[in-house]
């Protein structure tokens, strides 16, 4: 039986196939990469470390609306560079709370050297919480614990 920890850790819910781009690349290249791969963002990296991120919203607000030339504008000019990253052992509930506090929808996941190893999104967090609740629910049914114990488990898991 899997433990709650396995359901809670970011490394078990993150996307491992992250699209990256260099700060010196053009915005056009970033947009093409996002379009071709159907990703909503690309992580800007230098030496395997995240230094920025470009989202679809960034492209709209910082390129299209400002009528910048995407083939001449560099990624470093429009990327969000105040990137918060999380370690793979992070708990999904506090990570989701941090996303809400920072008003962002995704965090790069980095190893102990600061190198990019994944990306966790709000959707990943939601799916992780759903899996965790289903797991706790399954335990309720198989262990026949009381409703009070179930509610206490949800509180311990910081779900409610």
N, C-alpha and C. Protein backbone atom coordinates (compact mmCIF):
# COMPACT_ATOMS: atom_id res chain seq x y z
N UNK A 1 0.85 -1.18 0.00
CA UNK A 1 0.00 0.00 0.00
C UNK A 1 0.89 1.25 0.00
N UNK A 2 0.52 2.22 -0.81
CA UNK A 2 1.29 3.46 -0.89
C UNK A 2 0.98 4.33 0.31
N UNK A 3 1.99 5.05 0.76
CA UNK A 3 1.80 5.95 1.89
C UNK A 3 1.32 7.31 1.39
N UNK A 4 0.77 8.10 2.33
CA UNK A 4 0.32 9.45 1.97
C UNK A 4 1.48 10.27 1.42
N UNK A 5 2.69 10.04 1.93
CA UNK A 5 3.86 10.80 1.48
C UNK A 5 4.08 10.65 -0.02
N UNK A 6 3.86 9.45 -0.53
CA UNK A 6 4.03 9.22 -1.97
C UNK A 6 3.04 10.04 -2.78
N UNK A 7 1.87 10.28 -2.24
CA UNK A 7 0.85 11.08 -2.92
C UNK A 7 1.12 12.56 -2.78
N UNK A 8 1.88 12.94 -1.76
CA UNK A 8 2.05 14.34 -1.42
C UNK A 8 3.26 15.00 -2.07
N UNK A 9 4.28 14.23 -2.40
CA UNK A 9 5.53 14.82 -2.88
C UNK A 9 5.41 15.29 -4.33
N UNK A 10 5.94 16.49 -4.54
CA UNK A 10 5.91 17.11 -5.87
C UNK A 10 6.56 16.21 -6.93
N UNK A 11 7.61 15.52 -6.58
CA UNK A 11 8.31 14.68 -7.57
C UNK A 11 7.40 13.61 -8.17
N UNK A 12 6.33 13.27 -7.48
CA UNK A 12 5.42 12.24 -7.98
C UNK A 12 4.29 12.81 -8.83
N UNK A 13 4.18 14.13 -8.90
CA UNK A 13 3.10 14.73 -9.70
C UNK A 13 3.62 15.70 -10.76
N UNK A 14 4.90 16.06 -10.68
CA UNK A 14 5.44 17.08 -11.59
C UNK A 14 5.56 16.56 -13.02
N UNK A 15 5.61 17.50 -13.95
CA UNK A 15 5.89 17.20 -15.35
C UNK A 15 7.41 17.14 -15.50
N UNK A 16 7.90 16.06 -16.07
CA UNK A 16 9.35 15.91 -16.21
C UNK A 16 9.84 16.41 -17.57
N UNK A 17 8.96 16.42 -18.56
CA UNK A 17 9.32 16.86 -19.90
C UNK A 17 9.08 18.37 -20.01
N UNK A 18 10.06 19.16 -19.60
CA UNK A 18 9.92 20.61 -19.56
C UNK A 18 10.64 21.21 -20.77
N UNK A 19 9.97 22.11 -21.46
CA UNK A 19 10.58 22.79 -22.59
C UNK A 19 11.41 23.96 -22.06
N UNK A 20 12.63 24.07 -22.54
CA UNK A 20 13.52 25.14 -22.09
C UNK A 20 14.02 25.95 -23.27
N UNK A 21 14.49 27.14 -22.93
CA UNK A 21 15.02 28.05 -23.94
C UNK A 21 16.08 28.92 -23.26
N UNK A 22 16.99 29.47 -24.04
CA UNK A 22 18.05 30.33 -23.50
C UNK A 22 17.59 31.80 -23.51
N UNK A 23 18.12 32.62 -22.60
CA UNK A 23 17.74 34.04 -22.55
C UNK A 23 18.06 34.80 -23.83
N UNK A 24 19.07 34.34 -24.57
CA UNK A 24 19.50 35.04 -25.79
C UNK A 24 18.71 34.63 -27.03
N UNK A 25 17.82 33.65 -26.89
CA UNK A 25 16.97 33.24 -28.01
C UNK A 25 15.88 34.28 -28.25
N UNK A 26 15.27 34.21 -29.41
CA UNK A 26 14.20 35.17 -29.73
C UNK A 26 12.87 34.70 -29.14
N UNK A 27 12.00 35.68 -28.94
CA UNK A 27 10.65 35.39 -28.47
C UNK A 27 9.92 34.54 -29.51
N UNK A 28 10.19 34.78 -30.77
CA UNK A 28 9.58 33.98 -31.83
C UNK A 28 9.91 32.50 -31.65
N UNK A 29 11.17 32.20 -31.35
CA UNK A 29 11.59 30.81 -31.12
C UNK A 29 10.83 30.22 -29.93
N UNK A 30 10.68 31.00 -28.87
CA UNK A 30 9.93 30.53 -27.69
C UNK A 30 8.48 30.24 -28.05
N UNK A 31 7.86 31.15 -28.80
CA UNK A 31 6.46 30.98 -29.18
C UNK A 31 6.29 29.76 -30.08
N UNK A 32 7.20 29.57 -31.01
CA UNK A 32 7.14 28.40 -31.90
C UNK A 32 7.28 27.11 -31.09
N UNK A 33 8.21 27.10 -30.15
CA UNK A 33 8.42 25.93 -29.30
C UNK A 33 7.15 25.61 -28.51
N UNK A 34 6.54 26.65 -27.93
CA UNK A 34 5.31 26.45 -27.17
C UNK A 34 4.19 25.95 -28.07
N UNK A 35 4.08 26.51 -29.24
CA UNK A 35 3.02 26.13 -30.17
C UNK A 35 3.22 24.70 -30.69
N UNK A 36 4.42 24.37 -31.09
CA UNK A 36 4.70 23.05 -31.64
C UNK A 36 4.51 21.93 -30.63
N UNK A 37 4.82 22.22 -29.38
CA UNK A 37 4.74 21.20 -28.33
C UNK A 37 3.45 21.30 -27.52
N UNK A 38 2.62 22.29 -27.81
CA UNK A 38 1.36 22.52 -27.08
C UNK A 38 1.59 22.71 -25.58
N UNK A 39 2.62 23.50 -25.25
CA UNK A 39 2.90 23.84 -23.86
C UNK A 39 2.50 25.28 -23.60
N UNK A 40 2.08 25.57 -22.39
CA UNK A 40 1.64 26.92 -22.05
C UNK A 40 2.79 27.80 -21.55
N UNK A 41 3.98 27.20 -21.42
CA UNK A 41 5.13 27.99 -20.98
C UNK A 41 6.43 27.30 -21.40
N UNK A 42 7.50 28.07 -21.35
CA UNK A 42 8.85 27.52 -21.48
C UNK A 42 9.67 28.10 -20.33
N UNK A 43 10.57 27.29 -19.81
CA UNK A 43 11.44 27.73 -18.74
C UNK A 43 12.74 28.22 -19.36
N UNK A 44 13.17 29.39 -18.95
CA UNK A 44 14.41 29.97 -19.46
C UNK A 44 15.53 29.48 -18.55
N UNK A 45 16.55 28.85 -19.16
CA UNK A 45 17.63 28.27 -18.36
C UNK A 45 19.00 28.74 -18.83
N UNK A 46 19.91 28.77 -17.88
CA UNK A 46 21.34 28.96 -18.14
C UNK A 46 22.06 27.93 -17.30
N UNK A 47 22.93 27.15 -17.91
CA UNK A 47 23.66 26.09 -17.21
C UNK A 47 22.72 25.16 -16.46
N UNK A 48 21.61 24.80 -17.09
CA UNK A 48 20.60 23.89 -16.57
C UNK A 48 19.79 24.45 -15.40
N UNK A 49 20.01 25.73 -15.06
CA UNK A 49 19.31 26.34 -13.93
C UNK A 49 18.25 27.31 -14.44
N UNK A 50 17.05 27.28 -13.85
CA UNK A 50 16.01 28.22 -14.29
C UNK A 50 16.34 29.65 -13.89
N UNK A 51 16.27 30.54 -14.87
CA UNK A 51 16.52 31.97 -14.62
C UNK A 51 15.31 32.82 -14.99
N UNK A 52 14.31 32.18 -15.59
CA UNK A 52 13.11 32.89 -15.99
C UNK A 52 12.08 31.93 -16.53
N UNK A 53 10.94 32.50 -16.87
CA UNK A 53 9.87 31.70 -17.45
C UNK A 53 9.08 32.61 -18.40
N UNK A 54 8.60 32.02 -19.48
CA UNK A 54 7.74 32.74 -20.41
C UNK A 54 6.45 31.95 -20.53
N UNK A 55 5.34 32.63 -20.31
CA UNK A 55 4.03 32.00 -20.42
C UNK A 55 3.27 32.60 -21.59
N UNK A 56 2.15 31.97 -21.92
CA UNK A 56 1.30 32.51 -22.97
C UNK A 56 0.87 33.94 -22.63
N UNK A 57 0.58 34.17 -21.36
CA UNK A 57 0.17 35.50 -20.91
C UNK A 57 1.29 36.52 -21.16
N UNK A 58 2.54 36.13 -20.90
CA UNK A 58 3.68 37.02 -21.15
C UNK A 58 3.73 37.41 -22.63
N UNK A 59 3.52 36.43 -23.50
CA UNK A 59 3.55 36.70 -24.94
C UNK A 59 2.47 37.71 -25.33
N UNK A 60 1.30 37.54 -24.77
CA UNK A 60 0.20 38.46 -25.09
C UNK A 60 0.49 39.86 -24.54
N UNK A 61 0.82 39.94 -23.25
CA UNK A 61 0.95 41.23 -22.59
C UNK A 61 2.25 41.97 -22.94
N UNK A 62 3.33 41.22 -23.13
CA UNK A 62 4.62 41.87 -23.31
C UNK A 62 5.13 41.93 -24.74
N UNK A 63 4.46 41.23 -25.64
CA UNK A 63 4.89 41.23 -27.04
C UNK A 63 3.74 41.72 -27.94
N UNK A 64 2.66 40.99 -27.96
CA UNK A 64 1.57 41.31 -28.89
C UNK A 64 0.96 42.67 -28.59
N UNK A 65 0.54 42.90 -27.36
CA UNK A 65 -0.12 44.17 -26.99
C UNK A 65 0.83 45.36 -27.18
N UNK A 66 2.10 45.15 -26.92
CA UNK A 66 3.09 46.23 -27.08
C UNK A 66 3.65 46.31 -28.50
N UNK A 67 3.13 45.46 -29.38
CA UNK A 67 3.51 45.42 -30.79
C UNK A 67 5.02 45.29 -31.00
N UNK A 68 5.64 44.40 -30.20
CA UNK A 68 7.07 44.14 -30.37
C UNK A 68 7.26 43.10 -31.48
N UNK A 69 8.39 43.18 -32.12
CA UNK A 69 8.74 42.23 -33.16
C UNK A 69 9.29 40.97 -32.49
N UNK A 70 8.56 39.88 -32.60
CA UNK A 70 8.96 38.64 -31.92
C UNK A 70 10.25 38.04 -32.47
N UNK A 71 10.59 38.38 -33.71
CA UNK A 71 11.83 37.84 -34.29
C UNK A 71 13.05 38.65 -33.90
N UNK A 72 12.84 39.85 -33.35
CA UNK A 72 13.95 40.69 -32.91
C UNK A 72 14.03 40.82 -31.39
N UNK A 73 12.93 40.57 -30.71
CA UNK A 73 12.90 40.69 -29.25
C UNK A 73 13.48 39.42 -28.63
N UNK A 74 14.37 39.60 -27.67
CA UNK A 74 15.00 38.46 -27.01
C UNK A 74 14.18 38.00 -25.81
N UNK A 75 14.29 36.72 -25.51
CA UNK A 75 13.60 36.12 -24.38
C UNK A 75 13.87 36.88 -23.10
N UNK A 76 15.12 37.26 -22.87
CA UNK A 76 15.49 37.94 -21.62
C UNK A 76 14.75 39.27 -21.44
N UNK A 77 14.29 39.86 -22.54
CA UNK A 77 13.59 41.15 -22.46
C UNK A 77 12.15 41.01 -21.95
N UNK A 78 11.56 39.85 -22.11
CA UNK A 78 10.15 39.73 -21.71
C UNK A 78 9.89 38.65 -20.65
N UNK A 79 10.89 37.85 -20.33
CA UNK A 79 10.66 36.75 -19.39
C UNK A 79 10.38 37.29 -17.98
N UNK A 80 9.68 36.50 -17.22
CA UNK A 80 9.52 36.77 -15.80
C UNK A 80 10.75 36.18 -15.14
N UNK A 81 11.54 37.05 -14.49
CA UNK A 81 12.80 36.54 -13.93
C UNK A 81 12.77 36.36 -12.42
N UNK A 82 11.69 36.68 -11.78
CA UNK A 82 11.56 36.43 -10.34
C UNK A 82 10.94 35.04 -10.18
N UNK A 83 11.70 34.03 -10.57
CA UNK A 83 11.18 32.67 -10.59
C UNK A 83 11.39 32.00 -9.23
N UNK A 84 10.31 31.47 -8.70
CA UNK A 84 10.38 30.68 -7.47
C UNK A 84 10.40 29.23 -7.89
N UNK A 85 11.39 28.50 -7.40
CA UNK A 85 11.43 27.07 -7.70
C UNK A 85 11.26 26.30 -6.40
N UNK A 86 10.88 25.04 -6.53
CA UNK A 86 10.66 24.19 -5.36
C UNK A 86 11.45 22.90 -5.52
N UNK A 87 11.85 22.30 -4.40
CA UNK A 87 12.53 21.00 -4.47
C UNK A 87 11.54 19.87 -4.72
N UNK A 88 11.99 18.74 -5.25
CA UNK A 88 11.08 17.65 -5.58
C UNK A 88 10.40 17.02 -4.36
N UNK A 89 10.96 17.21 -3.18
CA UNK A 89 10.38 16.63 -1.97
C UNK A 89 9.31 17.52 -1.36
N UNK A 90 9.04 18.67 -1.97
CA UNK A 90 8.03 19.59 -1.45
C UNK A 90 6.68 18.90 -1.36
N UNK A 91 5.90 19.32 -0.37
CA UNK A 91 4.54 18.81 -0.16
C UNK A 91 3.58 19.56 -1.09
N UNK A 92 2.65 18.84 -1.69
CA UNK A 92 1.77 19.47 -2.67
C UNK A 92 0.83 20.52 -2.09
N UNK A 93 0.36 20.35 -0.85
CA UNK A 93 -0.58 21.33 -0.30
C UNK A 93 0.12 22.67 -0.03
N UNK A 94 1.25 22.72 0.71
CA UNK A 94 1.92 24.01 0.87
C UNK A 94 2.41 24.61 -0.45
N UNK A 95 2.78 23.75 -1.41
CA UNK A 95 3.20 24.26 -2.72
C UNK A 95 2.02 24.94 -3.41
N UNK A 96 0.86 24.35 -3.33
CA UNK A 96 -0.34 24.97 -3.88
C UNK A 96 -0.68 26.28 -3.19
N UNK A 97 -0.50 26.31 -1.88
CA UNK A 97 -0.75 27.54 -1.12
C UNK A 97 0.24 28.63 -1.53
N UNK A 98 1.50 28.24 -1.77
CA UNK A 98 2.52 29.20 -2.20
C UNK A 98 2.19 29.75 -3.59
N UNK A 99 1.69 28.90 -4.47
CA UNK A 99 1.26 29.36 -5.80
C UNK A 99 0.19 30.43 -5.65
N UNK A 100 -0.77 30.15 -4.78
CA UNK A 100 -1.86 31.11 -4.57
C UNK A 100 -1.32 32.42 -4.01
N UNK A 101 -0.43 32.33 -3.03
CA UNK A 101 0.14 33.53 -2.41
C UNK A 101 0.94 34.36 -3.42
N UNK A 102 1.74 33.69 -4.23
CA UNK A 102 2.59 34.37 -5.22
C UNK A 102 1.83 34.74 -6.50
N UNK A 103 0.59 34.24 -6.61
CA UNK A 103 -0.25 34.48 -7.78
C UNK A 103 0.41 33.98 -9.07
N UNK A 104 0.92 32.75 -8.99
CA UNK A 104 1.51 32.10 -10.17
C UNK A 104 0.84 30.73 -10.36
N UNK A 105 1.00 30.19 -11.54
CA UNK A 105 0.34 28.93 -11.87
C UNK A 105 1.30 27.76 -12.03
N UNK A 106 2.58 28.06 -11.90
CA UNK A 106 3.57 26.98 -12.09
C UNK A 106 4.88 27.33 -11.42
N UNK A 107 5.59 26.31 -10.98
CA UNK A 107 6.92 26.46 -10.40
C UNK A 107 7.88 25.48 -11.06
N UNK A 108 9.08 25.94 -11.41
CA UNK A 108 10.11 24.98 -11.80
C UNK A 108 10.48 24.13 -10.57
N UNK A 109 10.83 22.89 -10.82
CA UNK A 109 11.29 21.99 -9.76
C UNK A 109 12.78 21.79 -9.98
N UNK A 110 13.57 22.03 -8.93
CA UNK A 110 15.03 21.96 -9.06
C UNK A 110 15.62 20.97 -8.07
N UNK A 111 16.75 20.39 -8.48
CA UNK A 111 17.46 19.48 -7.58
C UNK A 111 18.33 20.28 -6.61
N UNK A 112 19.12 19.58 -5.81
CA UNK A 112 19.93 20.27 -4.79
C UNK A 112 21.05 21.13 -5.39
N UNK A 113 21.31 21.00 -6.69
CA UNK A 113 22.30 21.85 -7.37
C UNK A 113 21.63 23.06 -8.03
N UNK A 114 20.30 23.14 -7.89
CA UNK A 114 19.55 24.23 -8.51
C UNK A 114 19.22 23.99 -9.97
N UNK A 115 19.46 22.77 -10.46
CA UNK A 115 19.20 22.44 -11.86
C UNK A 115 17.74 22.03 -12.06
N UNK A 116 17.20 22.44 -13.19
CA UNK A 116 15.82 22.14 -13.53
C UNK A 116 15.62 20.65 -13.74
N UNK A 117 14.63 20.07 -13.03
CA UNK A 117 14.32 18.65 -13.22
C UNK A 117 12.83 18.43 -13.52
N UNK A 118 12.05 19.50 -13.44
CA UNK A 118 10.63 19.34 -13.71
C UNK A 118 9.88 20.65 -13.57
N UNK A 119 8.57 20.57 -13.71
CA UNK A 119 7.69 21.72 -13.59
C UNK A 119 6.42 21.23 -12.92
N UNK A 120 5.95 21.97 -11.93
CA UNK A 120 4.69 21.63 -11.28
C UNK A 120 3.71 22.76 -11.52
N UNK A 121 2.50 22.40 -11.93
CA UNK A 121 1.48 23.39 -12.27
C UNK A 121 0.30 23.28 -11.31
N UNK A 122 -0.59 24.27 -11.38
CA UNK A 122 -1.81 24.20 -10.57
C UNK A 122 -2.60 22.94 -10.90
N UNK A 123 -2.63 22.57 -12.16
CA UNK A 123 -3.35 21.35 -12.56
C UNK A 123 -2.73 20.13 -11.91
N UNK A 124 -1.38 20.07 -11.87
CA UNK A 124 -0.70 18.95 -11.20
C UNK A 124 -1.09 18.90 -9.72
N UNK A 125 -1.12 20.07 -9.09
CA UNK A 125 -1.48 20.15 -7.66
C UNK A 125 -2.90 19.63 -7.46
N UNK A 126 -3.84 20.09 -8.28
CA UNK A 126 -5.22 19.66 -8.16
C UNK A 126 -5.34 18.16 -8.36
N UNK A 127 -4.68 17.63 -9.39
CA UNK A 127 -4.73 16.19 -9.64
C UNK A 127 -4.11 15.42 -8.48
N UNK A 128 -3.03 15.95 -7.90
CA UNK A 128 -2.40 15.31 -6.76
C UNK A 128 -3.30 15.29 -5.54
N UNK A 129 -4.00 16.37 -5.30
CA UNK A 129 -4.93 16.43 -4.16
C UNK A 129 -6.09 15.45 -4.38
N UNK A 130 -6.58 15.37 -5.60
CA UNK A 130 -7.65 14.42 -5.89
C UNK A 130 -7.18 12.99 -5.63
N UNK A 131 -5.97 12.65 -6.08
CA UNK A 131 -5.43 11.30 -5.83
C UNK A 131 -5.26 11.04 -4.34
N UNK A 132 -4.80 12.07 -3.60
CA UNK A 132 -4.61 11.92 -2.16
C UNK A 132 -5.96 11.69 -1.46
N UNK A 133 -6.96 12.46 -1.82
CA UNK A 133 -8.29 12.30 -1.21
C UNK A 133 -8.86 10.91 -1.56
N UNK A 134 -8.68 10.47 -2.80
CA UNK A 134 -9.15 9.13 -3.17
C UNK A 134 -8.43 8.07 -2.36
N UNK A 135 -7.14 8.25 -2.13
CA UNK A 135 -6.36 7.30 -1.33
C UNK A 135 -6.89 7.26 0.11
N UNK A 136 -7.11 8.43 0.67
CA UNK A 136 -7.62 8.49 2.05
C UNK A 136 -9.02 7.88 2.10
N UNK A 137 -9.82 8.15 1.07
CA UNK A 137 -11.16 7.58 1.01
C UNK A 137 -11.09 6.06 0.93
N UNK A 138 -10.18 5.55 0.11
CA UNK A 138 -10.00 4.10 0.00
C UNK A 138 -9.61 3.51 1.34
N UNK A 139 -8.72 4.20 2.05
CA UNK A 139 -8.33 3.73 3.38
C UNK A 139 -9.53 3.73 4.32
N UNK A 140 -10.38 4.73 4.21
CA UNK A 140 -11.58 4.79 5.04
C UNK A 140 -12.45 3.56 4.81
N UNK A 141 -12.66 3.22 3.56
CA UNK A 141 -13.51 2.08 3.23
C UNK A 141 -12.87 0.78 3.68
N UNK A 142 -11.59 0.60 3.38
CA UNK A 142 -10.94 -0.68 3.71
C UNK A 142 -10.65 -0.82 5.20
N UNK A 143 -10.43 0.29 5.87
CA UNK A 143 -10.13 0.22 7.30
C UNK A 143 -11.38 0.43 8.14
N UNK A 144 -12.47 0.85 7.46
CA UNK A 144 -13.73 1.10 8.15
C UNK A 144 -13.55 2.05 9.33
N UNK A 145 -12.84 3.13 9.09
CA UNK A 145 -12.68 4.12 10.16
C UNK A 145 -13.91 5.00 10.21
N UNK A 146 -14.08 5.65 11.30
CA UNK A 146 -15.25 6.50 11.48
C UNK A 146 -15.13 7.79 10.68
N UNK A 147 -16.25 8.45 10.49
CA UNK A 147 -16.27 9.73 9.79
C UNK A 147 -15.40 10.74 10.53
N UNK A 148 -15.44 10.71 11.85
CA UNK A 148 -14.62 11.64 12.64
C UNK A 148 -13.13 11.42 12.37
N UNK A 149 -12.73 10.14 12.29
CA UNK A 149 -11.33 9.83 12.00
C UNK A 149 -10.97 10.27 10.58
N UNK A 150 -11.91 10.11 9.64
CA UNK A 150 -11.70 10.53 8.26
C UNK A 150 -11.49 12.04 8.19
N UNK A 151 -12.34 12.77 8.87
CA UNK A 151 -12.21 14.23 8.89
C UNK A 151 -10.88 14.63 9.53
N UNK A 152 -10.48 13.94 10.57
CA UNK A 152 -9.19 14.22 11.21
C UNK A 152 -8.04 13.96 10.24
N UNK A 153 -8.13 12.88 9.46
CA UNK A 153 -7.10 12.57 8.45
C UNK A 153 -7.02 13.70 7.43
N UNK A 154 -8.17 14.20 6.97
CA UNK A 154 -8.18 15.31 6.01
C UNK A 154 -7.55 16.55 6.62
N UNK A 155 -7.82 16.80 7.90
CA UNK A 155 -7.22 17.96 8.58
C UNK A 155 -5.72 17.77 8.70
N UNK A 156 -5.29 16.56 9.08
CA UNK A 156 -3.85 16.28 9.19
C UNK A 156 -3.15 16.48 7.85
N UNK A 157 -3.84 16.14 6.78
CA UNK A 157 -3.28 16.28 5.44
C UNK A 157 -3.39 17.71 4.92
N UNK A 158 -3.97 18.59 5.74
CA UNK A 158 -4.15 20.01 5.41
C UNK A 158 -5.01 20.18 4.16
N UNK A 159 -5.95 19.27 3.98
CA UNK A 159 -6.88 19.39 2.87
C UNK A 159 -8.08 20.21 3.31
N UNK A 160 -8.48 20.06 4.57
CA UNK A 160 -9.55 20.91 5.11
C UNK A 160 -9.07 21.59 6.38
